[in-house]
Amino acid sequence: MAWSTHVGDGLFMLLAFIVFLFIRIKTAFILMTSFLLASGITQLLKHTVFSEYKRPYFYLKNDDSFRTITDFTYHTEHSFPSGHATACFVLFTILAFHYQKKYLLQMVFILGAIFFSYTRVYLSQHFLQDIVAGSIIGVLVSQFIWDFLNPKLSKWDKPIRRFD
């Protein structure tokens, strides 16, 4: 779980963006735009409206029965909403839109978004409501950006030029 949680990191999103440049520029651009907007909303909420919300580890750190994971950084502040869940749901929602006609793959994407978001609860970094809120932000922003930008970026509906 400690490794799986990195799917929600910004660095992983940058890697996904670079990979998608070689698949379809339009999708890569929509992915990064969705991620930046959704993450901005999440961080704004975390640091303003919900700045006093503590993470589960804040309440568990003095509990002798709580077992920590070595080489894992535990945070205690800014729990709501989950930025990792936001990023996971942005990524997997855009992937589902990209592969619209592959229904089995879309189910895998839904399960992936849920699993990778849940790692934050498992690792005592978020409460369930934190990841639910993050997932809602991720899906809504991705849907909005996809619907808004997808028709406007038809000239980018190809991979980047390969140098042969």
N, C-alpha and C. Protein backbone atom coordinates (compact mmCIF):
# COMPACT_ATOMS: atom_id res chain seq x y z
N MET A 1 0.82 -1.20 0.00
CA MET A 1 0.00 0.00 0.00
C MET A 1 0.86 1.26 0.00
N ALA A 2 1.99 1.20 0.69
CA ALA A 2 2.85 2.38 0.75
C ALA A 2 3.37 2.76 -0.63
N TRP A 3 3.56 1.78 -1.51
CA TRP A 3 4.00 2.09 -2.88
C TRP A 3 2.81 2.45 -3.77
N SER A 4 1.70 1.79 -3.58
CA SER A 4 0.52 2.02 -4.42
C SER A 4 -0.03 3.43 -4.27
N THR A 5 0.16 4.01 -3.11
CA THR A 5 -0.38 5.35 -2.86
C THR A 5 0.26 6.42 -3.75
N HIS A 6 1.42 6.12 -4.32
CA HIS A 6 2.11 7.10 -5.16
C HIS A 6 1.43 7.34 -6.51
N VAL A 7 0.44 6.51 -6.85
CA VAL A 7 -0.32 6.75 -8.08
C VAL A 7 -1.04 8.10 -8.00
N GLY A 8 -1.33 8.56 -6.80
CA GLY A 8 -1.99 9.85 -6.61
C GLY A 8 -1.05 11.02 -6.49
N ASP A 9 0.23 10.82 -6.68
CA ASP A 9 1.22 11.90 -6.58
C ASP A 9 1.27 12.70 -7.88
N GLY A 10 1.67 13.95 -7.76
CA GLY A 10 1.84 14.79 -8.93
C GLY A 10 2.91 14.27 -9.87
N LEU A 11 3.95 13.66 -9.35
CA LEU A 11 5.02 13.11 -10.18
C LEU A 11 4.49 11.98 -11.06
N PHE A 12 3.62 11.15 -10.51
CA PHE A 12 3.02 10.08 -11.30
C PHE A 12 2.14 10.66 -12.41
N MET A 13 1.42 11.74 -12.10
CA MET A 13 0.59 12.39 -13.10
C MET A 13 1.44 12.98 -14.23
N LEU A 14 2.59 13.52 -13.88
CA LEU A 14 3.50 14.03 -14.90
C LEU A 14 3.96 12.89 -15.81
N LEU A 15 4.27 11.76 -15.23
CA LEU A 15 4.67 10.58 -16.01
C LEU A 15 3.52 10.14 -16.93
N ALA A 16 2.29 10.10 -16.42
CA ALA A 16 1.13 9.72 -17.23
C ALA A 16 0.94 10.72 -18.39
N PHE A 17 1.15 11.99 -18.11
CA PHE A 17 1.06 13.03 -19.14
C PHE A 17 2.08 12.77 -20.25
N ILE A 18 3.30 12.48 -19.87
CA ILE A 18 4.36 12.24 -20.87
C ILE A 18 4.04 10.99 -21.69
N VAL A 19 3.59 9.94 -21.04
CA VAL A 19 3.22 8.72 -21.76
C VAL A 19 2.10 9.02 -22.76
N PHE A 20 1.10 9.78 -22.34
CA PHE A 20 -0.03 10.07 -23.22
C PHE A 20 0.34 11.00 -24.37
N LEU A 21 1.43 11.73 -24.25
CA LEU A 21 1.87 12.52 -25.39
C LEU A 21 2.18 11.62 -26.59
N PHE A 22 2.61 10.39 -26.31
CA PHE A 22 2.94 9.44 -27.37
C PHE A 22 1.72 8.64 -27.82
N ILE A 23 0.61 8.78 -27.14
CA ILE A 23 -0.62 8.08 -27.50
C ILE A 23 -1.58 9.04 -28.20
N ARG A 24 -1.90 10.15 -27.51
CA ARG A 24 -2.77 11.18 -28.08
C ARG A 24 -2.52 12.49 -27.34
N ILE A 25 -2.06 13.49 -28.06
CA ILE A 25 -1.73 14.78 -27.46
C ILE A 25 -2.96 15.39 -26.78
N LYS A 26 -4.10 15.28 -27.42
CA LYS A 26 -5.34 15.85 -26.89
C LYS A 26 -5.64 15.28 -25.50
N THR A 27 -5.56 13.99 -25.36
CA THR A 27 -5.84 13.35 -24.07
C THR A 27 -4.81 13.77 -23.03
N ALA A 28 -3.55 13.85 -23.43
CA ALA A 28 -2.50 14.29 -22.51
C ALA A 28 -2.78 15.70 -21.99
N PHE A 29 -3.16 16.59 -22.89
CA PHE A 29 -3.45 17.97 -22.50
C PHE A 29 -4.67 18.04 -21.59
N ILE A 30 -5.72 17.29 -21.92
CA ILE A 30 -6.93 17.26 -21.08
C ILE A 30 -6.61 16.68 -19.71
N LEU A 31 -5.78 15.64 -19.68
CA LEU A 31 -5.38 15.02 -18.41
C LEU A 31 -4.65 16.03 -17.52
N MET A 32 -3.68 16.73 -18.08
CA MET A 32 -2.90 17.66 -17.27
C MET A 32 -3.73 18.87 -16.86
N THR A 33 -4.59 19.36 -17.74
CA THR A 33 -5.46 20.48 -17.40
C THR A 33 -6.42 20.10 -16.28
N SER A 34 -7.01 18.91 -16.40
CA SER A 34 -7.93 18.41 -15.36
C SER A 34 -7.21 18.26 -14.03
N PHE A 35 -6.02 17.70 -14.08
CA PHE A 35 -5.25 17.49 -12.85
C PHE A 35 -4.91 18.83 -12.19
N LEU A 36 -4.45 19.79 -12.97
CA LEU A 36 -4.06 21.07 -12.39
C LEU A 36 -5.26 21.80 -11.79
N LEU A 37 -6.39 21.80 -12.48
CA LEU A 37 -7.58 22.48 -11.97
C LEU A 37 -8.13 21.76 -10.74
N ALA A 38 -8.28 20.44 -10.81
CA ALA A 38 -8.82 19.68 -9.67
C ALA A 38 -7.90 19.77 -8.46
N SER A 39 -6.60 19.67 -8.69
CA SER A 39 -5.65 19.78 -7.58
C SER A 39 -5.66 21.17 -6.98
N GLY A 40 -5.79 22.18 -7.81
CA GLY A 40 -5.88 23.55 -7.31
C GLY A 40 -7.10 23.75 -6.42
N ILE A 41 -8.23 23.21 -6.86
CA ILE A 41 -9.45 23.30 -6.05
C ILE A 41 -9.26 22.57 -4.72
N THR A 42 -8.71 21.36 -4.80
CA THR A 42 -8.49 20.55 -3.59
C THR A 42 -7.55 21.26 -2.62
N GLN A 43 -6.44 21.77 -3.12
CA GLN A 43 -5.47 22.43 -2.24
C GLN A 43 -6.04 23.72 -1.66
N LEU A 44 -6.81 24.43 -2.45
CA LEU A 44 -7.46 25.65 -1.94
C LEU A 44 -8.41 25.30 -0.79
N LEU A 45 -9.21 24.27 -0.98
CA LEU A 45 -10.12 23.83 0.09
C LEU A 45 -9.36 23.37 1.33
N LYS A 46 -8.30 22.58 1.12
CA LYS A 46 -7.50 22.05 2.23
C LYS A 46 -6.90 23.16 3.09
N HIS A 47 -6.42 24.19 2.44
CA HIS A 47 -5.65 25.22 3.14
C HIS A 47 -6.46 26.45 3.52
N THR A 48 -7.75 26.48 3.18
CA THR A 48 -8.58 27.62 3.57
C THR A 48 -9.80 27.14 4.35
N VAL A 49 -10.78 26.64 3.64
CA VAL A 49 -12.06 26.27 4.26
C VAL A 49 -11.91 25.15 5.29
N PHE A 50 -11.10 24.14 4.97
CA PHE A 50 -10.98 22.97 5.84
C PHE A 50 -9.58 22.85 6.46
N SER A 51 -8.93 23.96 6.72
CA SER A 51 -7.54 23.95 7.19
C SER A 51 -7.37 23.31 8.57
N GLU A 52 -8.41 23.26 9.36
CA GLU A 52 -8.31 22.70 10.72
C GLU A 52 -8.53 21.19 10.77
N TYR A 53 -8.88 20.58 9.65
CA TYR A 53 -9.17 19.15 9.64
C TYR A 53 -7.89 18.34 9.79
N LYS A 54 -7.87 17.47 10.77
CA LYS A 54 -6.70 16.63 11.06
C LYS A 54 -6.84 15.28 10.35
N ARG A 55 -5.68 14.67 10.11
CA ARG A 55 -5.65 13.35 9.51
C ARG A 55 -5.78 12.28 10.59
N PRO A 56 -6.14 11.06 10.22
CA PRO A 56 -6.27 9.99 11.21
C PRO A 56 -5.01 9.79 12.05
N TYR A 57 -3.85 9.93 11.43
CA TYR A 57 -2.61 9.72 12.18
C TYR A 57 -2.48 10.70 13.34
N PHE A 58 -3.04 11.89 13.22
CA PHE A 58 -3.02 12.85 14.31
C PHE A 58 -3.62 12.24 15.57
N TYR A 59 -4.69 11.47 15.41
CA TYR A 59 -5.38 10.85 16.54
C TYR A 59 -4.77 9.52 16.96
N LEU A 60 -3.97 8.93 16.08
CA LEU A 60 -3.40 7.60 16.36
C LEU A 60 -1.94 7.62 16.77
N LYS A 61 -1.26 8.73 16.58
CA LYS A 61 0.19 8.75 16.77
C LYS A 61 0.64 8.41 18.19
N ASN A 62 -0.20 8.65 19.18
CA ASN A 62 0.17 8.32 20.56
C ASN A 62 -0.41 7.00 21.05
N ASP A 63 -1.05 6.28 20.16
CA ASP A 63 -1.63 4.99 20.49
C ASP A 63 -0.55 3.92 20.34
N ASP A 64 -0.22 3.26 21.42
CA ASP A 64 0.85 2.26 21.40
C ASP A 64 0.53 1.06 20.51
N SER A 65 -0.74 0.79 20.29
CA SER A 65 -1.10 -0.36 19.46
C SER A 65 -1.06 -0.03 17.95
N PHE A 66 -0.89 1.25 17.61
CA PHE A 66 -0.81 1.63 16.20
C PHE A 66 0.56 1.26 15.65
N ARG A 67 0.57 0.49 14.58
CA ARG A 67 1.83 0.06 13.97
C ARG A 67 2.14 0.94 12.77
N THR A 68 3.30 1.56 12.81
CA THR A 68 3.70 2.43 11.70
C THR A 68 4.49 1.62 10.67
N ILE A 69 4.55 2.15 9.48
CA ILE A 69 5.32 1.55 8.39
C ILE A 69 6.65 2.28 8.33
N THR A 70 7.73 1.54 8.33
CA THR A 70 9.05 2.18 8.26
C THR A 70 9.23 2.84 6.89
N ASP A 71 9.94 3.93 6.88
CA ASP A 71 10.23 4.71 5.67
C ASP A 71 8.97 5.27 5.01
N PHE A 72 7.94 5.49 5.79
CA PHE A 72 6.73 6.14 5.28
C PHE A 72 6.52 7.41 6.09
N THR A 73 6.26 8.51 5.40
CA THR A 73 6.06 9.79 6.07
C THR A 73 4.58 9.97 6.39
N TYR A 74 4.28 10.09 7.66
CA TYR A 74 2.91 10.31 8.11
C TYR A 74 2.67 11.80 8.29
N HIS A 75 1.52 12.25 7.84
CA HIS A 75 1.12 13.65 7.99
C HIS A 75 -0.03 13.73 8.97
N THR A 76 -0.18 14.89 9.61
CA THR A 76 -1.23 15.06 10.61
C THR A 76 -2.22 16.16 10.26
N GLU A 77 -1.89 17.03 9.32
CA GLU A 77 -2.72 18.20 9.00
C GLU A 77 -3.34 18.08 7.61
N HIS A 78 -4.33 18.94 7.35
CA HIS A 78 -4.93 19.12 6.01
C HIS A 78 -5.48 17.82 5.43
N SER A 79 -6.43 17.25 6.12
CA SER A 79 -6.99 15.97 5.72
C SER A 79 -8.04 16.08 4.61
N PHE A 80 -8.88 17.09 4.67
CA PHE A 80 -10.06 17.13 3.80
C PHE A 80 -9.93 18.21 2.74
N PRO A 81 -10.17 17.90 1.48
CA PRO A 81 -10.36 16.61 0.82
C PRO A 81 -9.02 15.98 0.44
N SER A 82 -9.04 14.75 0.03
CA SER A 82 -7.82 14.03 -0.30
C SER A 82 -7.31 14.43 -1.68
N GLY A 83 -6.08 14.94 -1.71
CA GLY A 83 -5.46 15.29 -2.98
C GLY A 83 -5.08 14.06 -3.79
N HIS A 84 -4.67 12.99 -3.11
CA HIS A 84 -4.33 11.76 -3.82
C HIS A 84 -5.58 11.16 -4.49
N ALA A 85 -6.70 11.16 -3.78
CA ALA A 85 -7.94 10.64 -4.37
C ALA A 85 -8.36 11.51 -5.54
N THR A 86 -8.20 12.82 -5.41
CA THR A 86 -8.53 13.72 -6.52
C THR A 86 -7.71 13.35 -7.75
N ALA A 87 -6.40 13.20 -7.57
CA ALA A 87 -5.51 12.87 -8.68
C ALA A 87 -5.83 11.50 -9.28
N CYS A 88 -6.09 10.51 -8.43
CA CYS A 88 -6.43 9.17 -8.93
C CYS A 88 -7.69 9.19 -9.77
N PHE A 89 -8.71 9.89 -9.29
CA PHE A 89 -9.96 9.92 -10.03
C PHE A 89 -9.85 10.77 -11.29
N VAL A 90 -9.01 11.79 -11.29
CA VAL A 90 -8.75 12.52 -12.54
C VAL A 90 -8.12 11.57 -13.55
N LEU A 91 -7.07 10.89 -13.15
CA LEU A 91 -6.35 10.00 -14.06
C LEU A 91 -7.27 8.92 -14.63
N PHE A 92 -7.96 8.21 -13.76
CA PHE A 92 -8.75 7.09 -14.22
C PHE A 92 -10.04 7.52 -14.93
N THR A 93 -10.56 8.69 -14.61
CA THR A 93 -11.72 9.20 -15.35
C THR A 93 -11.32 9.58 -16.76
N ILE A 94 -10.19 10.24 -16.92
CA ILE A 94 -9.72 10.61 -18.26
C ILE A 94 -9.38 9.35 -19.06
N LEU A 95 -8.78 8.37 -18.42
CA LEU A 95 -8.51 7.10 -19.11
C LEU A 95 -9.80 6.44 -19.58
N ALA A 96 -10.83 6.47 -18.74
CA ALA A 96 -12.12 5.89 -19.11
C ALA A 96 -12.73 6.64 -20.29
N PHE A 97 -12.61 7.96 -20.32
CA PHE A 97 -13.12 8.72 -21.45
C PHE A 97 -12.33 8.41 -22.72
N HIS A 98 -11.02 8.28 -22.56
CA HIS A 98 -10.16 8.00 -23.72
C HIS A 98 -10.51 6.65 -24.35
N TYR A 99 -10.78 5.65 -23.51
CA TYR A 99 -11.11 4.31 -23.99
C TYR A 99 -12.61 4.05 -23.84
N GLN A 100 -13.42 4.93 -24.41
CA GLN A 100 -14.87 4.91 -24.22
C GLN A 100 -15.54 3.62 -24.67
N LYS A 101 -15.06 2.98 -25.66
CA LYS A 101 -15.74 1.79 -26.20
C LYS A 101 -15.23 0.49 -25.59
N LYS A 102 -14.32 0.56 -24.66
CA LYS A 102 -13.76 -0.64 -24.04
C LYS A 102 -14.29 -0.73 -22.61
N TYR A 103 -15.45 -1.36 -22.48
CA TYR A 103 -16.18 -1.35 -21.22
C TYR A 103 -15.47 -2.13 -20.11
N LEU A 104 -14.83 -3.22 -20.44
CA LEU A 104 -14.09 -3.99 -19.43
C LEU A 104 -12.93 -3.15 -18.90
N LEU A 105 -12.27 -2.47 -19.78
CA LEU A 105 -11.16 -1.59 -19.38
C LEU A 105 -11.68 -0.45 -18.49
N GLN A 106 -12.84 0.07 -18.79
CA GLN A 106 -13.42 1.12 -17.96
C GLN A 106 -13.71 0.62 -16.55
N MET A 107 -14.15 -0.62 -16.44
CA MET A 107 -14.38 -1.21 -15.11
C MET A 107 -13.06 -1.33 -14.34
N VAL A 108 -12.01 -1.70 -15.04
CA VAL A 108 -10.68 -1.78 -14.41
C VAL A 108 -10.26 -0.39 -13.92
N PHE A 109 -10.54 0.64 -14.71
CA PHE A 109 -10.19 2.00 -14.31
C PHE A 109 -10.96 2.43 -13.07
N ILE A 110 -12.24 2.09 -13.00
CA ILE A 110 -13.04 2.43 -11.82
C ILE A 110 -12.47 1.74 -10.58
N LEU A 111 -12.18 0.45 -10.72
CA LEU A 111 -11.62 -0.30 -9.59
C LEU A 111 -10.24 0.24 -9.21
N GLY A 112 -9.45 0.63 -10.20
CA GLY A 112 -8.14 1.21 -9.92
C GLY A 112 -8.25 2.51 -9.16
N ALA A 113 -9.16 3.37 -9.56
CA ALA A 113 -9.36 4.65 -8.87
C ALA A 113 -9.77 4.41 -7.42
N ILE A 114 -10.68 3.47 -7.21
CA ILE A 114 -11.13 3.17 -5.85
C ILE A 114 -9.99 2.58 -5.02
N PHE A 115 -9.28 1.61 -5.59
CA PHE A 115 -8.19 0.95 -4.85
C PHE A 115 -7.09 1.94 -4.47
N PHE A 116 -6.60 2.69 -5.45
CA PHE A 116 -5.48 3.60 -5.17
C PHE A 116 -5.89 4.73 -4.23
N SER A 117 -7.14 5.13 -4.28
CA SER A 117 -7.62 6.13 -3.32
C SER A 117 -7.73 5.54 -1.93
N TYR A 118 -8.20 4.30 -1.85
CA TYR A 118 -8.37 3.64 -0.56
C TYR A 118 -7.03 3.47 0.18
N THR A 119 -5.93 3.41 -0.56
CA THR A 119 -4.63 3.27 0.11
C THR A 119 -4.41 4.38 1.13
N ARG A 120 -5.00 5.54 0.88
CA ARG A 120 -4.85 6.67 1.81
C ARG A 120 -5.55 6.40 3.14
N VAL A 121 -6.68 5.71 3.10
CA VAL A 121 -7.38 5.33 4.32
C VAL A 121 -6.58 4.24 5.02
N TYR A 122 -6.14 3.26 4.28
CA TYR A 122 -5.36 2.15 4.83
C TYR A 122 -4.10 2.65 5.55
N LEU A 123 -3.47 3.67 4.98
CA LEU A 123 -2.23 4.21 5.55
C LEU A 123 -2.46 5.27 6.62
N SER A 124 -3.70 5.44 7.05
CA SER A 124 -4.08 6.42 8.08
C SER A 124 -3.74 7.85 7.69
N GLN A 125 -3.84 8.13 6.40
CA GLN A 125 -3.58 9.48 5.91
C GLN A 125 -4.87 10.25 5.63
N HIS A 126 -5.99 9.51 5.52
CA HIS A 126 -7.28 10.16 5.27
C HIS A 126 -8.40 9.34 5.86
N PHE A 127 -9.49 10.04 6.13
CA PHE A 127 -10.75 9.39 6.49
C PHE A 127 -11.49 9.08 5.19
N LEU A 128 -12.48 8.21 5.27
CA LEU A 128 -13.24 7.83 4.08
C LEU A 128 -13.89 9.05 3.42
N GLN A 129 -14.44 9.95 4.20
CA GLN A 129 -15.08 11.13 3.61
C GLN A 129 -14.08 12.02 2.86
N ASP A 130 -12.81 11.99 3.26
CA ASP A 130 -11.78 12.75 2.56
C ASP A 130 -11.60 12.24 1.13
N ILE A 131 -11.54 10.91 0.99
CA ILE A 131 -11.33 10.36 -0.35
C ILE A 131 -12.62 10.44 -1.19
N VAL A 132 -13.77 10.37 -0.55
CA VAL A 132 -15.01 10.53 -1.30
C VAL A 132 -15.09 11.96 -1.87
N ALA A 133 -14.77 12.95 -1.05
CA ALA A 133 -14.78 14.34 -1.52
C ALA A 133 -13.75 14.54 -2.63
N GLY A 134 -12.56 14.00 -2.45
CA GLY A 134 -11.52 14.10 -3.48
C GLY A 134 -11.95 13.44 -4.78
N SER A 135 -12.61 12.29 -4.66
CA SER A 135 -13.05 11.58 -5.86
C SER A 135 -14.12 12.38 -6.60
N ILE A 136 -15.03 13.00 -5.87
CA ILE A 136 -16.08 13.81 -6.50
C ILE A 136 -15.46 14.99 -7.25
N ILE A 137 -14.51 15.65 -6.61
CA ILE A 137 -13.82 16.77 -7.27
C ILE A 137 -13.13 16.28 -8.54
N GLY A 138 -12.41 15.17 -8.43
CA GLY A 138 -11.68 14.62 -9.58
C GLY A 138 -12.58 14.26 -10.74
N VAL A 139 -13.69 13.60 -10.45
CA VAL A 139 -14.61 13.19 -11.52
C VAL A 139 -15.31 14.40 -12.14
N LEU A 140 -15.81 15.31 -11.31
CA LEU A 140 -16.54 16.46 -11.85
C LEU A 140 -15.65 17.37 -12.70
N VAL A 141 -14.45 17.64 -12.21
CA VAL A 141 -13.53 18.49 -12.98
C VAL A 141 -13.14 17.80 -14.28
N SER A 142 -12.85 16.50 -14.21
CA SER A 142 -12.47 15.76 -15.42
C SER A 142 -13.60 15.75 -16.45
N GLN A 143 -14.82 15.54 -15.99
CA GLN A 143 -15.98 15.55 -16.88
C GLN A 143 -16.13 16.93 -17.54
N PHE A 144 -16.01 17.98 -16.74
CA PHE A 144 -16.14 19.33 -17.26
C PHE A 144 -15.06 19.64 -18.30
N ILE A 145 -13.81 19.36 -17.96
CA ILE A 145 -12.69 19.65 -18.86
C ILE A 145 -12.80 18.82 -20.13
N TRP A 146 -13.15 17.53 -19.99
CA TRP A 146 -13.31 16.67 -21.17
C TRP A 146 -14.39 17.24 -22.11
N ASP A 147 -15.53 17.56 -21.54
CA ASP A 147 -16.64 18.08 -22.35
C ASP A 147 -16.30 19.43 -22.97
N PHE A 148 -15.54 20.25 -22.27
CA PHE A 148 -15.21 21.59 -22.75
C PHE A 148 -14.09 21.56 -23.79
N LEU A 149 -13.00 20.82 -23.51
CA LEU A 149 -11.83 20.86 -24.38
C LEU A 149 -11.82 19.83 -25.50
N ASN A 150 -12.41 18.68 -25.29
CA ASN A 150 -12.33 17.61 -26.27
C ASN A 150 -12.76 18.05 -27.67
N PRO A 151 -13.90 18.72 -27.83
CA PRO A 151 -14.27 19.13 -29.19
C PRO A 151 -13.39 20.24 -29.77
N LYS A 152 -12.75 21.00 -28.91
CA LYS A 152 -11.94 22.13 -29.36
C LYS A 152 -10.52 21.73 -29.78
N LEU A 153 -10.08 20.54 -29.42
CA LEU A 153 -8.70 20.13 -29.66
C LEU A 153 -8.57 19.06 -30.72
N SER A 154 -9.44 19.08 -31.73
CA SER A 154 -9.43 18.02 -32.75
C SER A 154 -8.10 17.98 -33.52
N LYS A 155 -7.43 19.11 -33.66
CA LYS A 155 -6.14 19.11 -34.39
C LYS A 155 -5.04 18.38 -33.60
N TRP A 156 -5.26 18.18 -32.31
CA TRP A 156 -4.28 17.47 -31.49
C TRP A 156 -4.67 16.01 -31.27
N ASP A 157 -5.56 15.51 -32.08
CA ASP A 157 -6.06 14.15 -31.92
C ASP A 157 -5.11 13.14 -32.54
N LYS A 158 -3.84 13.21 -32.14
CA LYS A 158 -2.80 12.32 -32.67
C LYS A 158 -1.66 12.28 -31.67
N PRO A 159 -0.76 11.31 -31.81
CA PRO A 159 0.43 11.30 -30.94
C PRO A 159 1.44 12.34 -31.42
N ILE A 160 2.42 12.62 -30.55
CA ILE A 160 3.46 13.54 -31.00
C ILE A 160 4.23 12.89 -32.13
N ARG A 161 4.79 13.70 -32.99
CA ARG A 161 5.52 13.19 -34.15
C ARG A 161 6.73 12.39 -33.71
N ARG A 162 6.83 11.23 -34.25
CA ARG A 162 7.98 10.36 -33.94
C ARG A 162 9.10 10.66 -34.92
N PHE A 163 10.31 10.63 -34.42
CA PHE A 163 11.46 10.89 -35.27
C PHE A 163 12.04 9.56 -35.70
N ASP A 164 11.82 9.22 -36.97
CA ASP A 164 12.33 7.93 -37.50
C ASP A 164 13.62 8.12 -38.24
